[in-house]
């Protein structure tokens, strides 16, 4: 009798654990993507300033905006998963 009552509870606990794992995995992959994006943006901004130092202000503004957009992906993932 007790074992029959424990089965639905165990199934619900397993489902909750899978949901938590997939949410954590989603946020982790979003953070990985944002980190790669920020790295590539910084790399290309450095190359662009090296080629044209006179445009460093414009390049800086554009790279800051691009980094903010890349980081926003992580915040979207955090708030949508929770």
N, C-alpha and C. Protein backbone atom coordinates (compact mmCIF):
# COMPACT_ATOMS: atom_id res chain seq x y z
N UNK A 1 0.82 -1.19 0.00
CA UNK A 1 0.00 0.00 0.00
C UNK A 1 0.87 1.26 0.00
N UNK A 2 1.87 1.28 0.87
CA UNK A 2 2.74 2.45 0.95
C UNK A 2 3.58 2.60 -0.31
N UNK A 3 4.01 1.49 -0.89
CA UNK A 3 4.80 1.54 -2.12
C UNK A 3 3.97 2.08 -3.28
N UNK A 4 2.70 1.76 -3.32
CA UNK A 4 1.83 2.27 -4.39
C UNK A 4 1.63 3.77 -4.26
N UNK A 5 1.61 4.28 -3.04
CA UNK A 5 1.44 5.72 -2.83
C UNK A 5 2.73 6.47 -3.14
N UNK A 6 3.86 5.81 -2.99
CA UNK A 6 5.15 6.48 -3.21
C UNK A 6 5.48 6.61 -4.70
N UNK A 7 4.88 5.78 -5.53
CA UNK A 7 5.21 5.80 -6.96
C UNK A 7 4.87 7.14 -7.63
N UNK A 8 3.67 7.71 -7.44
CA UNK A 8 3.39 9.01 -8.07
C UNK A 8 4.29 10.13 -7.55
N UNK A 9 4.64 10.05 -6.28
CA UNK A 9 5.52 11.06 -5.70
C UNK A 9 6.90 10.98 -6.33
N UNK A 10 7.40 9.77 -6.52
CA UNK A 10 8.71 9.59 -7.15
C UNK A 10 8.69 10.06 -8.60
N UNK A 11 7.59 9.80 -9.30
CA UNK A 11 7.49 10.26 -10.69
C UNK A 11 7.46 11.78 -10.76
N UNK A 12 6.75 12.42 -9.84
CA UNK A 12 6.71 13.88 -9.82
C UNK A 12 8.07 14.47 -9.48
N UNK A 13 8.79 13.83 -8.56
CA UNK A 13 10.12 14.31 -8.19
C UNK A 13 11.09 14.17 -9.36
N UNK A 14 11.00 13.07 -10.09
CA UNK A 14 11.87 12.87 -11.25
C UNK A 14 11.58 13.90 -12.33
N UNK A 15 10.31 14.20 -12.54
CA UNK A 15 9.94 15.20 -13.55
C UNK A 15 10.44 16.59 -13.15
N UNK A 16 10.33 16.93 -11.87
CA UNK A 16 10.83 18.22 -11.39
C UNK A 16 12.34 18.31 -11.54
N UNK A 17 13.05 17.22 -11.30
CA UNK A 17 14.50 17.22 -11.45
C UNK A 17 14.90 17.41 -12.91
N UNK A 18 14.17 16.77 -13.82
CA UNK A 18 14.47 16.95 -15.25
C UNK A 18 14.21 18.37 -15.68
N UNK A 19 13.14 18.98 -15.17
CA UNK A 19 12.83 20.36 -15.54
C UNK A 19 13.92 21.30 -15.04
N UNK A 20 14.41 21.07 -13.83
CA UNK A 20 15.48 21.90 -13.30
C UNK A 20 16.77 21.74 -14.08
N UNK A 21 17.07 20.52 -14.47
CA UNK A 21 18.29 20.26 -15.24
C UNK A 21 18.22 20.92 -16.60
N UNK A 22 17.08 20.83 -17.26
CA UNK A 22 16.99 21.44 -18.59
C UNK A 22 17.04 22.95 -18.49
N UNK A 23 16.48 23.52 -17.43
CA UNK A 23 16.56 24.97 -17.25
C UNK A 23 17.99 25.43 -17.01
N UNK A 24 18.70 24.68 -16.17
CA UNK A 24 20.10 25.02 -15.91
C UNK A 24 20.94 24.87 -17.16
N UNK A 25 20.66 23.84 -17.93
CA UNK A 25 21.39 23.63 -19.18
C UNK A 25 21.11 24.76 -20.16
N UNK A 26 19.87 25.21 -20.21
CA UNK A 26 19.52 26.32 -21.11
C UNK A 26 20.28 27.59 -20.74
N UNK A 27 20.31 27.91 -19.46
CA UNK A 27 21.02 29.12 -19.02
C UNK A 27 22.52 28.97 -19.26
N UNK A 28 23.06 27.78 -19.02
CA UNK A 28 24.48 27.55 -19.25
C UNK A 28 24.87 27.71 -20.71
N UNK A 29 24.05 27.17 -21.60
CA UNK A 29 24.34 27.31 -23.03
C UNK A 29 24.19 28.76 -23.49
N UNK A 30 23.22 29.48 -22.93
CA UNK A 30 23.07 30.89 -23.27
C UNK A 30 24.29 31.69 -22.79
N UNK A 31 24.78 31.37 -21.60
CA UNK A 31 25.97 32.05 -21.09
C UNK A 31 27.20 31.73 -21.94
N UNK A 32 27.31 30.49 -22.38
CA UNK A 32 28.43 30.11 -23.24
C UNK A 32 28.36 30.87 -24.56
N UNK A 33 27.18 30.95 -25.14
CA UNK A 33 27.02 31.69 -26.40
C UNK A 33 27.34 33.16 -26.23
N UNK A 34 26.89 33.75 -25.13
CA UNK A 34 27.18 35.16 -24.88
C UNK A 34 28.67 35.39 -24.67
N UNK A 35 29.32 34.48 -23.96
CA UNK A 35 30.76 34.63 -23.73
C UNK A 35 31.54 34.55 -25.04
N UNK A 36 31.15 33.62 -25.90
CA UNK A 36 31.81 33.53 -27.21
C UNK A 36 31.54 34.79 -28.03
N UNK A 37 30.30 35.27 -27.98
CA UNK A 37 29.96 36.48 -28.73
C UNK A 37 30.75 37.69 -28.26
N UNK A 38 30.86 37.86 -26.95
CA UNK A 38 31.62 38.99 -26.41
C UNK A 38 33.09 38.87 -26.79
N UNK A 39 33.62 37.67 -26.75
CA UNK A 39 35.02 37.46 -27.14
C UNK A 39 35.28 37.81 -28.59
N UNK A 40 34.38 37.36 -29.48
CA UNK A 40 34.54 37.67 -30.90
C UNK A 40 34.37 39.17 -31.16
N UNK A 41 33.44 39.80 -30.46
CA UNK A 41 33.25 41.25 -30.63
C UNK A 41 34.51 41.99 -30.22
N UNK A 42 35.07 41.62 -29.07
CA UNK A 42 36.30 42.28 -28.62
C UNK A 42 37.47 42.04 -29.56
N UNK A 43 37.57 40.82 -30.09
CA UNK A 43 38.65 40.50 -31.02
C UNK A 43 38.55 41.34 -32.28
N UNK A 44 37.35 41.39 -32.85
CA UNK A 44 37.18 42.14 -34.10
C UNK A 44 37.27 43.65 -33.87
N UNK A 45 36.84 44.13 -32.70
CA UNK A 45 36.99 45.56 -32.41
C UNK A 45 38.46 45.93 -32.29
N UNK A 46 39.25 45.07 -31.67
CA UNK A 46 40.69 45.33 -31.57
C UNK A 46 41.35 45.34 -32.94
N UNK A 47 40.95 44.40 -33.80
CA UNK A 47 41.49 44.38 -35.16
C UNK A 47 41.10 45.64 -35.92
N UNK A 48 39.85 46.08 -35.74
CA UNK A 48 39.38 47.27 -36.46
C UNK A 48 40.12 48.52 -36.01
N UNK A 49 40.37 48.65 -34.71
CA UNK A 49 41.12 49.81 -34.21
C UNK A 49 42.56 49.74 -34.69
N UNK A 50 43.12 48.56 -34.79
CA UNK A 50 44.48 48.41 -35.31
C UNK A 50 44.58 48.84 -36.77
N UNK A 51 43.54 48.55 -37.55
CA UNK A 51 43.55 48.95 -38.96
C UNK A 51 43.27 50.43 -39.14
N UNK A 52 42.39 50.99 -38.30
CA UNK A 52 41.99 52.39 -38.45
C UNK A 52 41.89 53.04 -37.07
N UNK A 53 43.01 53.51 -36.53
CA UNK A 53 42.98 54.10 -35.19
C UNK A 53 42.14 55.37 -35.08
N UNK A 54 41.93 56.05 -36.17
CA UNK A 54 41.14 57.28 -36.14
C UNK A 54 39.67 57.04 -35.87
N UNK A 55 39.20 55.84 -36.12
CA UNK A 55 37.78 55.52 -35.92
C UNK A 55 37.56 54.78 -34.60
N UNK A 56 38.48 54.92 -33.67
CA UNK A 56 38.38 54.13 -32.43
C UNK A 56 37.14 54.49 -31.61
N UNK A 57 36.72 55.75 -31.63
CA UNK A 57 35.53 56.14 -30.86
C UNK A 57 34.28 55.48 -31.42
N UNK A 58 34.12 55.52 -32.73
CA UNK A 58 32.95 54.89 -33.35
C UNK A 58 32.96 53.38 -33.15
N UNK A 59 34.14 52.79 -33.25
CA UNK A 59 34.25 51.34 -33.05
C UNK A 59 33.92 50.98 -31.61
N UNK A 60 34.38 51.79 -30.66
CA UNK A 60 34.10 51.54 -29.25
C UNK A 60 32.60 51.58 -28.96
N UNK A 61 31.92 52.59 -29.50
CA UNK A 61 30.48 52.72 -29.27
C UNK A 61 29.73 51.52 -29.86
N UNK A 62 30.08 51.15 -31.07
CA UNK A 62 29.40 50.02 -31.70
C UNK A 62 29.69 48.71 -30.98
N UNK A 63 30.92 48.54 -30.50
CA UNK A 63 31.24 47.29 -29.81
C UNK A 63 30.56 47.22 -28.44
N UNK A 64 30.42 48.34 -27.76
CA UNK A 64 29.70 48.34 -26.48
C UNK A 64 28.24 47.98 -26.68
N UNK A 65 27.62 48.52 -27.72
CA UNK A 65 26.23 48.16 -28.02
C UNK A 65 26.09 46.69 -28.38
N UNK A 66 27.02 46.18 -29.16
CA UNK A 66 26.97 44.77 -29.54
C UNK A 66 27.19 43.85 -28.34
N UNK A 67 28.07 44.23 -27.44
CA UNK A 67 28.29 43.44 -26.23
C UNK A 67 27.06 43.44 -25.35
N UNK A 68 26.40 44.59 -25.23
CA UNK A 68 25.16 44.66 -24.43
C UNK A 68 24.09 43.75 -25.01
N UNK A 69 23.97 43.72 -26.33
CA UNK A 69 22.98 42.83 -26.96
C UNK A 69 23.34 41.36 -26.75
N UNK A 70 24.62 41.04 -26.81
CA UNK A 70 25.04 39.66 -26.60
C UNK A 70 24.79 39.23 -25.15
N UNK A 71 25.03 40.12 -24.20
CA UNK A 71 24.79 39.79 -22.80
C UNK A 71 23.30 39.70 -22.48
N UNK A 72 22.47 40.40 -23.24
CA UNK A 72 21.03 40.36 -22.99
C UNK A 72 20.46 38.97 -23.20
N UNK A 73 21.10 38.18 -24.05
CA UNK A 73 20.62 36.81 -24.29
C UNK A 73 20.63 36.00 -23.00
N UNK A 74 21.64 36.19 -22.17
CA UNK A 74 21.72 35.46 -20.91
C UNK A 74 20.58 35.87 -19.99
N UNK A 75 20.30 37.16 -19.93
CA UNK A 75 19.22 37.63 -19.06
C UNK A 75 17.87 37.12 -19.55
N UNK A 76 17.68 37.08 -20.85
CA UNK A 76 16.43 36.50 -21.38
C UNK A 76 16.31 35.04 -20.97
N UNK A 77 17.39 34.30 -21.08
CA UNK A 77 17.35 32.88 -20.71
C UNK A 77 17.07 32.70 -19.23
N UNK A 78 17.69 33.51 -18.39
CA UNK A 78 17.48 33.39 -16.94
C UNK A 78 16.03 33.67 -16.58
N UNK A 79 15.47 34.74 -17.13
CA UNK A 79 14.11 35.11 -16.74
C UNK A 79 13.06 34.23 -17.39
N UNK A 80 13.34 33.68 -18.56
CA UNK A 80 12.35 32.82 -19.21
C UNK A 80 12.36 31.40 -18.63
N UNK A 81 13.49 30.96 -18.11
CA UNK A 81 13.57 29.61 -17.57
C UNK A 81 12.94 29.54 -16.18
N UNK A 82 13.13 30.54 -15.39
CA UNK A 82 12.65 30.51 -13.99
C UNK A 82 11.17 30.66 -13.90
